[in-house]
């Protein structure tokens, strides 16, 4: 069952490691930025510990090229969580546990902007307690269906 844990400063290091893996995988491909998003990027947010990454590229034209590169590099494409504006990937460890999620989006798209604004809101609003309570309640009611 999914459980939330307190913020851990090591997540910054885990993100840097993930960023290096992505940079190595997409070597030579145009990329705007690789950003740490999600609860592991916001101090005081409880999280399941999965590192969430936003990989932004200049144009959706390159989505399928990057998809193929990431899949060849060991990232699993999750079709049912992907759409025309965002391709979703996970990376698993040797125990098959998800250690990172990657969202591939077009830079400056509405999807990119919404993700960045939500992270900024959480960091600046000091409402992490309310968000933590919401997530705990959602997990309890999901009954294991993450």
C-alpha atoms as a PDB file:
ATOM      1  CA  UNK A   1       0.000   0.000   0.000  1.00  0.00           C
ATOM      2  CA  UNK A   2       1.180   3.488  -0.831  1.00  0.00           C
ATOM      3  CA  UNK A   3       2.267   5.561   2.170  1.00  0.00           C
ATOM      4  CA  UNK A   4       3.392   9.142   2.438  1.00  0.00           C
ATOM      5  CA  UNK A   5       6.612  10.032   4.248  1.00  0.00           C
ATOM      6  CA  UNK A   6       8.079  13.301   5.481  1.00  0.00           C
ATOM      7  CA  UNK A   7      10.275  15.478   3.252  1.00  0.00           C
ATOM      8  CA  UNK A   8      13.880  14.314   2.876  1.00  0.00           C
ATOM      9  CA  UNK A   9      16.733  16.587   1.741  1.00  0.00           C
ATOM     10  CA  UNK A  10      18.294  13.629  -0.096  1.00  0.00           C
ATOM     11  CA  UNK A  11      15.607  13.963  -2.756  1.00  0.00           C
ATOM     12  CA  UNK A  12      17.524  16.893  -4.247  1.00  0.00           C
ATOM     13  CA  UNK A  13      20.487  14.555  -4.769  1.00  0.00           C
ATOM     14  CA  UNK A  14      18.247  11.832  -6.206  1.00  0.00           C
ATOM     15  CA  UNK A  15      16.836  14.393  -8.644  1.00  0.00           C
ATOM     16  CA  UNK A  16      20.355  15.412  -9.722  1.00  0.00           C
ATOM     17  CA  UNK A  17      21.164  11.747 -10.380  1.00  0.00           C
ATOM     18  CA  UNK A  18      17.980  11.360 -12.428  1.00  0.00           C
ATOM     19  CA  UNK A  19      18.740  14.536 -14.356  1.00  0.00           C
ATOM     20  CA  UNK A  20      22.196  13.196 -15.236  1.00  0.00           C
ATOM     21  CA  UNK A  21      20.657   9.918 -16.460  1.00  0.00           C
ATOM     22  CA  UNK A  22      18.218  11.852 -18.644  1.00  0.00           C
ATOM     23  CA  UNK A  23      20.910  14.153 -20.015  1.00  0.00           C
ATOM     24  CA  UNK A  24      23.002  11.132 -20.943  1.00  0.00           C
ATOM     25  CA  UNK A  25      19.985   9.417 -22.564  1.00  0.00           C
ATOM     26  CA  UNK A  26      18.932  12.432 -24.660  1.00  0.00           C
ATOM     27  CA  UNK A  27      22.467  13.471 -25.554  1.00  0.00           C
ATOM     28  CA  UNK A  28      22.290  15.467 -28.750  1.00  0.00           C
ATOM     29  CA  UNK A  29      18.546  16.107 -28.627  1.00  0.00           C
ATOM     30  CA  UNK A  30      17.256  19.612 -28.122  1.00  0.00           C
ATOM     31  CA  UNK A  31      15.845  20.104 -24.634  1.00  0.00           C
ATOM     32  CA  UNK A  32      14.711  23.274 -22.874  1.00  0.00           C
ATOM     33  CA  UNK A  33      15.016  22.083 -19.304  1.00  0.00           C
ATOM     34  CA  UNK A  34      14.905  19.171 -16.901  1.00  0.00           C
ATOM     35  CA  UNK A  35      13.111  20.311 -13.757  1.00  0.00           C
ATOM     36  CA  UNK A  36      12.388  18.765 -10.372  1.00  0.00           C
ATOM     37  CA  UNK A  37       8.631  18.884  -9.777  1.00  0.00           C
ATOM     38  CA  UNK A  38       6.164  17.120  -7.516  1.00  0.00           C
ATOM     39  CA  UNK A  39       6.104  16.763  -3.760  1.00  0.00           C
ATOM     40  CA  UNK A  40       9.759  15.720  -3.484  1.00  0.00           C
ATOM     41  CA  UNK A  41      10.698  19.182  -4.773  1.00  0.00           C
ATOM     42  CA  UNK A  42       8.714  21.096  -2.133  1.00  0.00           C
ATOM     43  CA  UNK A  43      10.005  21.295   1.439  1.00  0.00           C
ATOM     44  CA  UNK A  44       7.399  20.137   3.986  1.00  0.00           C
ATOM     45  CA  UNK A  45       5.374  18.135   1.461  1.00  0.00           C
ATOM     46  CA  UNK A  46       4.766  14.531   2.331  1.00  0.00           C
ATOM     47  CA  UNK A  47       5.414  12.175  -0.541  1.00  0.00           C
ATOM     48  CA  UNK A  48       5.791   8.544  -1.513  1.00  0.00           C
ATOM     49  CA  UNK A  49       9.425   9.342  -2.364  1.00  0.00           C
ATOM     50  CA  UNK A  50       9.201   9.052  -6.136  1.00  0.00           C
ATOM     51  CA  UNK A  51      11.243  11.737  -7.912  1.00  0.00           C
ATOM     52  CA  UNK A  52       9.029  13.626 -10.365  1.00  0.00           C
ATOM     53  CA  UNK A  53      10.749  15.213 -13.351  1.00  0.00           C
ATOM     54  CA  UNK A  54       9.530  17.599 -16.030  1.00  0.00           C
ATOM     55  CA  UNK A  55      11.416  17.276 -19.325  1.00  0.00           C
ATOM     56  CA  UNK A  56      10.509  20.141 -21.623  1.00  0.00           C
ATOM     57  CA  UNK A  57      11.348  20.331 -25.308  1.00  0.00           C
ATOM     58  CA  UNK A  58      10.887  23.137 -27.858  1.00  0.00           C
ATOM     59  CA  UNK A  59       8.262  21.381 -29.988  1.00  0.00           C
ATOM     60  CA  UNK A  60       5.820  18.470 -29.806  1.00  0.00           C
ATOM     61  CA  UNK A  61       7.240  17.423 -33.172  1.00  0.00           C
ATOM     62  CA  UNK A  62      10.039  15.717 -31.227  1.00  0.00           C
ATOM     63  CA  UNK A  63       7.736  13.784 -28.835  1.00  0.00           C
ATOM     64  CA  UNK A  64       8.082  10.448 -30.629  1.00  0.00           C
ATOM     65  CA  UNK A  65      11.830  10.831 -31.131  1.00  0.00           C
ATOM     66  CA  UNK A  66      12.298  11.468 -27.400  1.00  0.00           C
ATOM     67  CA  UNK A  67       9.834   8.694 -26.536  1.00  0.00           C
ATOM     68  CA  UNK A  68      11.919   6.170 -28.472  1.00  0.00           C
ATOM     69  CA  UNK A  69      15.156   7.425 -26.912  1.00  0.00           C
ATOM     70  CA  UNK A  70      13.755   7.198 -23.377  1.00  0.00           C
ATOM     71  CA  UNK A  71      12.322   3.717 -23.917  1.00  0.00           C
ATOM     72  CA  UNK A  72      15.675   2.500 -25.307  1.00  0.00           C
ATOM     73  CA  UNK A  73      17.325   4.012 -22.212  1.00  0.00           C
ATOM     74  CA  UNK A  74      15.199   1.970 -19.810  1.00  0.00           C
ATOM     75  CA  UNK A  75      12.276   4.296 -19.141  1.00  0.00           C
ATOM     76  CA  UNK A  76       8.829   2.710 -19.375  1.00  0.00           C
ATOM     77  CA  UNK A  77       6.265   4.608 -21.444  1.00  0.00           C
ATOM     78  CA  UNK A  78       2.886   4.669 -19.664  1.00  0.00           C
ATOM     79  CA  UNK A  79       0.358   5.033 -22.443  1.00  0.00           C
ATOM     80  CA  UNK A  80      -2.790   5.325 -20.307  1.00  0.00           C
ATOM     81  CA  UNK A  81      -1.310   8.329 -18.429  1.00  0.00           C
ATOM     82  CA  UNK A  82      -0.068  10.007 -21.619  1.00  0.00           C
ATOM     83  CA  UNK A  83      -1.929  12.259 -24.024  1.00  0.00           C
ATOM     84  CA  UNK A  84      -1.191  14.574 -26.944  1.00  0.00           C
ATOM     85  CA  UNK A  85       0.250  17.217 -24.587  1.00  0.00           C
ATOM     86  CA  UNK A  86       2.221  15.059 -22.154  1.00  0.00           C
ATOM     87  CA  UNK A  87       4.052  11.742 -22.489  1.00  0.00           C
ATOM     88  CA  UNK A  88       4.445   9.958 -19.156  1.00  0.00           C
ATOM     89  CA  UNK A  89       7.308   7.598 -18.273  1.00  0.00           C
ATOM     90  CA  UNK A  90       8.557   5.784 -15.192  1.00  0.00           C
ATOM     91  CA  UNK A  91      11.923   4.381 -14.231  1.00  0.00           C
ATOM     92  CA  UNK A  92      11.987   1.357 -11.954  1.00  0.00           C
ATOM     93  CA  UNK A  93      14.729  -0.012  -9.741  1.00  0.00           C
ATOM     94  CA  UNK A  94      15.883  -3.656  -9.655  1.00  0.00           C
ATOM     95  CA  UNK A  95      12.947  -4.515  -7.375  1.00  0.00           C
ATOM     96  CA  UNK A  96      10.505  -3.130  -9.999  1.00  0.00           C
ATOM     97  CA  UNK A  97       9.585  -0.202  -7.720  1.00  0.00           C
ATOM     98  CA  UNK A  98       8.993   3.156  -9.401  1.00  0.00           C
ATOM     99  CA  UNK A  99      11.800   5.534  -8.430  1.00  0.00           C
ATOM    100  CA  UNK A 100      11.141   8.325 -10.932  1.00  0.00           C
ATOM    101  CA  UNK A 101       8.362   9.656 -13.128  1.00  0.00           C
ATOM    102  CA  UNK A 102       9.087  11.730 -16.205  1.00  0.00           C
ATOM    103  CA  UNK A 103       6.633  14.049 -17.902  1.00  0.00           C
ATOM    104  CA  UNK A 104       7.676  15.010 -21.429  1.00  0.00           C
ATOM    105  CA  UNK A 105       5.974  18.259 -22.460  1.00  0.00           C
ATOM    106  CA  UNK A 106       6.346  21.088 -24.906  1.00  0.00           C
ATOM    107  CA  UNK A 107       8.030  24.095 -23.320  1.00  0.00           C
ATOM    108  CA  UNK A 108       5.688  27.079 -22.796  1.00  0.00           C
ATOM    109  CA  UNK A 109       2.596  24.920 -23.395  1.00  0.00           C
ATOM    110  CA  UNK A 110      -0.389  25.136 -21.062  1.00  0.00           C
ATOM    111  CA  UNK A 111       0.608  21.777 -19.566  1.00  0.00           C
ATOM    112  CA  UNK A 112       4.141  23.023 -18.828  1.00  0.00           C
ATOM    113  CA  UNK A 113       2.832  26.283 -17.359  1.00  0.00           C
ATOM    114  CA  UNK A 114       0.258  24.546 -15.127  1.00  0.00           C
ATOM    115  CA  UNK A 115       2.820  22.136 -13.681  1.00  0.00           C
ATOM    116  CA  UNK A 116       5.297  24.936 -12.949  1.00  0.00           C
ATOM    117  CA  UNK A 117       2.626  27.208 -11.464  1.00  0.00           C
ATOM    118  CA  UNK A 118       1.336  24.448  -9.167  1.00  0.00           C
ATOM    119  CA  UNK A 119       4.837  23.810  -7.831  1.00  0.00           C
ATOM    120  CA  UNK A 120       5.360  27.554  -7.352  1.00  0.00           C
ATOM    121  CA  UNK A 121       2.016  27.815  -5.544  1.00  0.00           C
ATOM    122  CA  UNK A 122       2.911  25.011  -3.137  1.00  0.00           C
ATOM    123  CA  UNK A 123       6.323  26.511  -2.413  1.00  0.00           C
ATOM    124  CA  UNK A 124       5.061  30.062  -1.876  1.00  0.00           C
ATOM    125  CA  UNK A 125       1.619  29.559  -0.306  1.00  0.00           C
ATOM    126  CA  UNK A 126       2.756  27.663   2.783  1.00  0.00           C
ATOM    127  CA  UNK A 127      -0.314  25.444   2.365  1.00  0.00           C
ATOM    128  CA  UNK A 128       1.585  22.173   2.359  1.00  0.00           C
ATOM    129  CA  UNK A 129      -0.351  20.974   5.431  1.00  0.00           C
ATOM    130  CA  UNK A 130      -3.627  21.275   3.532  1.00  0.00           C
ATOM    131  CA  UNK A 131      -2.103  19.523   0.510  1.00  0.00           C
ATOM    132  CA  UNK A 132      -0.679  16.744   2.689  1.00  0.00           C
ATOM    133  CA  UNK A 133      -4.092  16.143   4.272  1.00  0.00           C
ATOM    134  CA  UNK A 134      -5.732  16.065   0.849  1.00  0.00           C
ATOM    135  CA  UNK A 135      -3.211  13.487  -0.424  1.00  0.00           C
ATOM    136  CA  UNK A 136      -3.537  11.306   2.693  1.00  0.00           C
ATOM    137  CA  UNK A 137      -7.320  11.283   2.334  1.00  0.00           C
ATOM    138  CA  UNK A 138      -7.113  10.491  -1.380  1.00  0.00           C
ATOM    139  CA  UNK A 139      -4.724   7.583  -0.758  1.00  0.00           C
ATOM    140  CA  UNK A 140      -6.943   6.181   1.985  1.00  0.00           C
ATOM    141  CA  UNK A 141      -9.995   6.267  -0.280  1.00  0.00           C
ATOM    142  CA  UNK A 142      -8.116   4.874  -3.298  1.00  0.00           C
ATOM    143  CA  UNK A 143      -7.636   1.594  -1.426  1.00  0.00           C
ATOM    144  CA  UNK A 144      -4.371   0.783  -3.147  1.00  0.00           C
ATOM    145  CA  UNK A 145      -5.306   2.033  -6.607  1.00  0.00           C
ATOM    146  CA  UNK A 146      -2.682   4.748  -7.008  1.00  0.00           C
END
